[in-house]
Structures are given as structure tokens and as C-alpha cells.
């Protein structure tokens, strides 16, 4: 199962490198914009664009504790059919 704050940390780390592709098994990878990768024949769960999501936060802790961002990430994953939890 995915963890919201861990996923925000991965999104934060992807800034400046590309978008973050996330699969239902919890794995993720940085991809080029416009890329739609498959992993072992499985389609991805969601693609997150880091700059619009987390660039406005001066510190990672601010991003991982922002209620609106947490809810947005969780809604995106759940709407795609995935499971996510917040600790």
C-alpha cells in the first residue's frame, strides 16, 4: 500500500528531473514529460508533476504536512483505483 507522505517525498525529490510515475505495487520512477511507461506489462497508476505540486513549499516538511496536498495525492491515487494511507 502506498503512503501519502512517502509519496510526497518522492515527488519532492523528482523536482527538476521529470515527472513521477507511480504503480499500484508502490514502486515509482522519474519519467520524461509526456512519457507513458509500462512496468512488467502493467500500466501505471498515476503520474505526478512535481513542480506544480511541491515547488511552492520552502521545506519538505511543509509539503508533507499540507492538508490540501495530502488530500490531492490521496484522491488522485484512489480515483485511479489504488490504495493509499496516511500515517
N, C-alpha and C. Protein backbone atom coordinates (compact mmCIF):
# COMPACT_ATOMS: atom_id res chain seq x y z
N UNK A 1 0.84 -1.17 0.00
CA UNK A 1 0.00 0.00 0.00
C UNK A 1 0.89 1.25 0.00
N UNK A 2 0.47 2.25 -0.71
CA UNK A 2 1.21 3.50 -0.78
C UNK A 2 1.01 4.33 0.48
N UNK A 3 2.01 5.13 0.81
CA UNK A 3 1.94 6.04 1.94
C UNK A 3 2.01 7.47 1.41
N UNK A 4 1.08 8.31 1.83
CA UNK A 4 0.97 9.66 1.28
C UNK A 4 2.23 10.49 1.50
N UNK A 5 2.74 10.54 2.70
CA UNK A 5 3.91 11.37 2.98
C UNK A 5 5.16 10.85 2.26
N UNK A 6 5.30 9.55 2.16
CA UNK A 6 6.42 8.96 1.43
C UNK A 6 6.34 9.33 -0.05
N UNK A 7 5.13 9.31 -0.57
CA UNK A 7 4.92 9.66 -1.98
C UNK A 7 5.24 11.14 -2.22
N UNK A 8 4.86 12.02 -1.30
CA UNK A 8 5.20 13.44 -1.42
C UNK A 8 6.72 13.62 -1.39
N UNK A 9 7.40 12.85 -0.56
CA UNK A 9 8.87 12.91 -0.51
C UNK A 9 9.45 12.52 -1.88
N UNK A 10 8.94 11.48 -2.50
CA UNK A 10 9.41 11.07 -3.83
C UNK A 10 9.12 12.15 -4.87
N UNK A 11 7.95 12.77 -4.76
CA UNK A 11 7.60 13.86 -5.69
C UNK A 11 8.57 15.02 -5.49
N UNK A 12 8.86 15.35 -4.25
CA UNK A 12 9.80 16.41 -3.91
C UNK A 12 11.17 16.12 -4.56
N UNK A 13 11.65 14.90 -4.43
CA UNK A 13 12.96 14.52 -4.97
C UNK A 13 12.99 14.53 -6.49
N UNK A 14 11.85 14.40 -7.13
CA UNK A 14 11.78 14.37 -8.60
C UNK A 14 11.84 15.76 -9.23
N UNK A 15 11.71 16.80 -8.42
CA UNK A 15 11.72 18.18 -8.95
C UNK A 15 12.97 18.42 -9.80
N UNK A 16 12.77 18.93 -10.99
CA UNK A 16 13.88 19.26 -11.86
C UNK A 16 14.38 18.10 -12.70
N UNK A 17 13.86 16.90 -12.46
CA UNK A 17 14.31 15.72 -13.20
C UNK A 17 13.24 15.17 -14.12
N UNK A 18 11.99 15.46 -13.86
CA UNK A 18 10.89 14.94 -14.68
C UNK A 18 9.67 14.70 -13.82
N UNK A 19 8.75 13.94 -14.35
CA UNK A 19 7.52 13.60 -13.63
C UNK A 19 7.72 12.29 -12.87
N UNK A 20 6.87 12.03 -11.90
CA UNK A 20 6.97 10.80 -11.11
C UNK A 20 5.84 9.87 -11.48
N UNK A 21 6.19 8.71 -12.03
CA UNK A 21 5.21 7.67 -12.36
C UNK A 21 5.11 6.72 -11.17
N UNK A 22 3.88 6.37 -10.80
CA UNK A 22 3.64 5.52 -9.63
C UNK A 22 2.79 4.34 -10.04
N UNK A 23 3.21 3.13 -9.62
CA UNK A 23 2.46 1.91 -9.87
C UNK A 23 1.76 1.46 -8.60
N UNK A 24 0.77 0.60 -8.75
CA UNK A 24 -0.04 0.15 -7.63
C UNK A 24 0.75 -0.65 -6.59
N UNK A 25 1.87 -1.23 -6.99
CA UNK A 25 2.67 -2.00 -6.04
C UNK A 25 3.56 -1.11 -5.17
N UNK A 26 3.46 0.22 -5.37
CA UNK A 26 4.23 1.14 -4.56
C UNK A 26 5.52 1.61 -5.18
N UNK A 27 5.90 1.05 -6.30
CA UNK A 27 7.13 1.48 -6.94
C UNK A 27 6.87 2.76 -7.74
N UNK A 28 7.94 3.50 -7.95
CA UNK A 28 7.85 4.73 -8.73
C UNK A 28 9.15 4.95 -9.47
N UNK A 29 9.08 5.77 -10.50
CA UNK A 29 10.27 6.13 -11.25
C UNK A 29 10.06 7.50 -11.87
N UNK A 30 11.15 8.20 -12.08
CA UNK A 30 11.10 9.50 -12.73
C UNK A 30 11.07 9.28 -14.23
N UNK A 31 10.14 9.96 -14.90
CA UNK A 31 9.98 9.81 -16.34
C UNK A 31 10.00 11.18 -17.01
N UNK A 32 10.29 11.17 -18.30
CA UNK A 32 10.27 12.41 -19.08
C UNK A 32 8.82 12.87 -19.27
N UNK A 33 8.59 14.17 -19.34
CA UNK A 33 7.24 14.66 -19.59
C UNK A 33 6.66 14.06 -20.88
N UNK A 34 5.42 13.62 -20.82
CA UNK A 34 4.77 13.02 -21.98
C UNK A 34 4.99 11.52 -22.12
N UNK A 35 5.90 10.96 -21.36
CA UNK A 35 6.18 9.53 -21.41
C UNK A 35 5.07 8.77 -20.66
N UNK A 36 4.71 7.60 -21.16
CA UNK A 36 3.68 6.77 -20.54
C UNK A 36 4.24 5.35 -20.42
N UNK A 37 5.05 5.10 -19.39
CA UNK A 37 5.76 3.83 -19.28
C UNK A 37 4.90 2.67 -18.80
N UNK A 38 5.38 1.47 -19.08
CA UNK A 38 4.78 0.26 -18.53
C UNK A 38 5.88 -0.47 -17.78
N UNK A 39 5.48 -1.17 -16.73
CA UNK A 39 6.44 -1.92 -15.93
C UNK A 39 5.97 -3.37 -15.88
N UNK A 40 6.76 -4.23 -16.44
CA UNK A 40 6.40 -5.65 -16.48
C UNK A 40 5.02 -5.84 -17.10
N UNK A 41 4.72 -5.02 -18.10
CA UNK A 41 3.44 -5.12 -18.79
C UNK A 41 2.28 -4.47 -18.06
N UNK A 42 2.52 -3.93 -16.87
CA UNK A 42 1.44 -3.30 -16.11
C UNK A 42 1.42 -1.80 -16.39
N UNK A 43 0.23 -1.27 -16.52
CA UNK A 43 0.12 0.17 -16.72
C UNK A 43 0.26 0.88 -15.38
N UNK A 44 0.64 2.13 -15.44
CA UNK A 44 0.87 2.85 -14.20
C UNK A 44 -0.41 3.35 -13.57
N UNK A 45 -0.31 3.69 -12.31
CA UNK A 45 -1.45 4.14 -11.53
C UNK A 45 -1.66 5.65 -11.70
N UNK A 46 -0.58 6.42 -11.61
CA UNK A 46 -0.69 7.88 -11.70
C UNK A 46 0.66 8.47 -12.10
N UNK A 47 0.60 9.66 -12.67
CA UNK A 47 1.79 10.45 -12.97
C UNK A 47 1.62 11.78 -12.25
N UNK A 48 2.63 12.15 -11.47
CA UNK A 48 2.60 13.41 -10.74
C UNK A 48 3.64 14.36 -11.32
N UNK A 49 3.26 15.62 -11.48
CA UNK A 49 4.16 16.66 -11.96
C UNK A 49 4.65 17.43 -10.74
N UNK A 50 5.93 17.25 -10.38
CA UNK A 50 6.45 17.80 -9.12
C UNK A 50 6.39 19.32 -8.98
N UNK A 51 6.78 20.04 -10.01
CA UNK A 51 6.88 21.49 -9.88
C UNK A 51 5.55 22.12 -9.45
N UNK A 52 4.43 21.83 -10.14
CA UNK A 52 3.17 22.44 -9.69
C UNK A 52 2.71 21.98 -8.31
N UNK A 53 3.12 20.79 -7.91
CA UNK A 53 2.64 20.25 -6.63
C UNK A 53 3.44 20.73 -5.42
N UNK A 54 4.77 20.74 -5.53
CA UNK A 54 5.57 20.99 -4.32
C UNK A 54 6.56 22.15 -4.41
N UNK A 55 6.74 22.74 -5.57
CA UNK A 55 7.74 23.81 -5.69
C UNK A 55 7.41 25.04 -4.85
N UNK A 56 6.16 25.23 -4.52
CA UNK A 56 5.76 26.38 -3.72
C UNK A 56 6.09 26.27 -2.24
N UNK A 57 6.55 25.11 -1.82
CA UNK A 57 6.90 24.90 -0.41
C UNK A 57 8.40 25.10 -0.22
N UNK A 58 8.78 25.88 0.79
CA UNK A 58 10.20 26.14 1.01
C UNK A 58 10.92 24.96 1.67
N UNK A 59 10.17 24.11 2.36
CA UNK A 59 10.75 22.94 3.02
C UNK A 59 9.88 21.71 2.77
N UNK A 60 10.51 20.56 2.70
CA UNK A 60 9.78 19.30 2.51
C UNK A 60 8.75 19.09 3.61
N UNK A 61 9.10 19.43 4.85
CA UNK A 61 8.16 19.25 5.96
C UNK A 61 6.86 20.03 5.77
N UNK A 62 6.96 21.21 5.16
CA UNK A 62 5.75 21.98 4.90
C UNK A 62 4.86 21.25 3.90
N UNK A 63 5.48 20.63 2.90
CA UNK A 63 4.72 19.89 1.88
C UNK A 63 4.08 18.64 2.48
N UNK A 64 4.82 17.90 3.29
CA UNK A 64 4.30 16.64 3.83
C UNK A 64 3.24 16.85 4.92
N UNK A 65 3.07 18.07 5.36
CA UNK A 65 2.05 18.35 6.38
C UNK A 65 0.96 19.29 5.88
N UNK A 66 0.93 19.56 4.58
CA UNK A 66 -0.09 20.42 3.99
C UNK A 66 -1.33 19.59 3.69
N UNK A 67 -2.42 19.89 4.36
CA UNK A 67 -3.65 19.10 4.24
C UNK A 67 -4.16 19.05 2.80
N UNK A 68 -4.15 20.18 2.12
CA UNK A 68 -4.65 20.20 0.73
C UNK A 68 -3.82 19.29 -0.18
N UNK A 69 -2.49 19.34 -0.03
CA UNK A 69 -1.62 18.49 -0.85
C UNK A 69 -1.83 17.01 -0.51
N UNK A 70 -1.90 16.70 0.78
CA UNK A 70 -2.14 15.31 1.20
C UNK A 70 -3.44 14.78 0.59
N UNK A 71 -4.50 15.57 0.69
CA UNK A 71 -5.79 15.13 0.15
C UNK A 71 -5.77 15.00 -1.37
N UNK A 72 -5.06 15.90 -2.05
CA UNK A 72 -4.96 15.83 -3.51
C UNK A 72 -4.26 14.55 -3.96
N UNK A 73 -3.15 14.22 -3.31
CA UNK A 73 -2.40 12.99 -3.64
C UNK A 73 -3.27 11.77 -3.38
N UNK A 74 -3.93 11.73 -2.23
CA UNK A 74 -4.78 10.59 -1.88
C UNK A 74 -5.95 10.44 -2.85
N UNK A 75 -6.57 11.53 -3.23
CA UNK A 75 -7.69 11.48 -4.16
C UNK A 75 -7.24 10.98 -5.53
N UNK A 76 -6.09 11.46 -5.99
CA UNK A 76 -5.56 11.03 -7.28
C UNK A 76 -5.33 9.52 -7.30
N UNK A 77 -4.71 9.00 -6.26
CA UNK A 77 -4.42 7.56 -6.19
C UNK A 77 -5.71 6.76 -6.07
N UNK A 78 -6.61 7.18 -5.21
CA UNK A 78 -7.87 6.44 -5.03
C UNK A 78 -8.75 6.49 -6.28
N UNK A 79 -8.79 7.63 -6.95
CA UNK A 79 -9.57 7.75 -8.18
C UNK A 79 -9.04 6.84 -9.29
N UNK A 80 -7.73 6.52 -9.20
CA UNK A 80 -7.12 5.63 -10.19
C UNK A 80 -7.27 4.16 -9.80
N UNK A 81 -7.90 3.91 -8.65
CA UNK A 81 -8.13 2.53 -8.21
C UNK A 81 -7.07 2.00 -7.25
N UNK A 82 -6.19 2.86 -6.78
CA UNK A 82 -5.13 2.43 -5.87
C UNK A 82 -5.51 2.61 -4.40
N UNK A 83 -4.67 2.08 -3.56
CA UNK A 83 -4.85 2.21 -2.12
C UNK A 83 -3.70 3.02 -1.55
N UNK A 84 -4.05 3.94 -0.66
CA UNK A 84 -3.05 4.79 -0.05
C UNK A 84 -3.46 5.09 1.38
N UNK A 85 -2.47 5.23 2.26
CA UNK A 85 -2.75 5.54 3.66
C UNK A 85 -1.86 6.67 4.12
N UNK A 86 -2.32 7.37 5.11
CA UNK A 86 -1.56 8.45 5.73
C UNK A 86 -1.20 8.02 7.13
N UNK A 87 0.07 8.19 7.51
CA UNK A 87 0.46 7.78 8.87
C UNK A 87 0.23 8.85 9.88
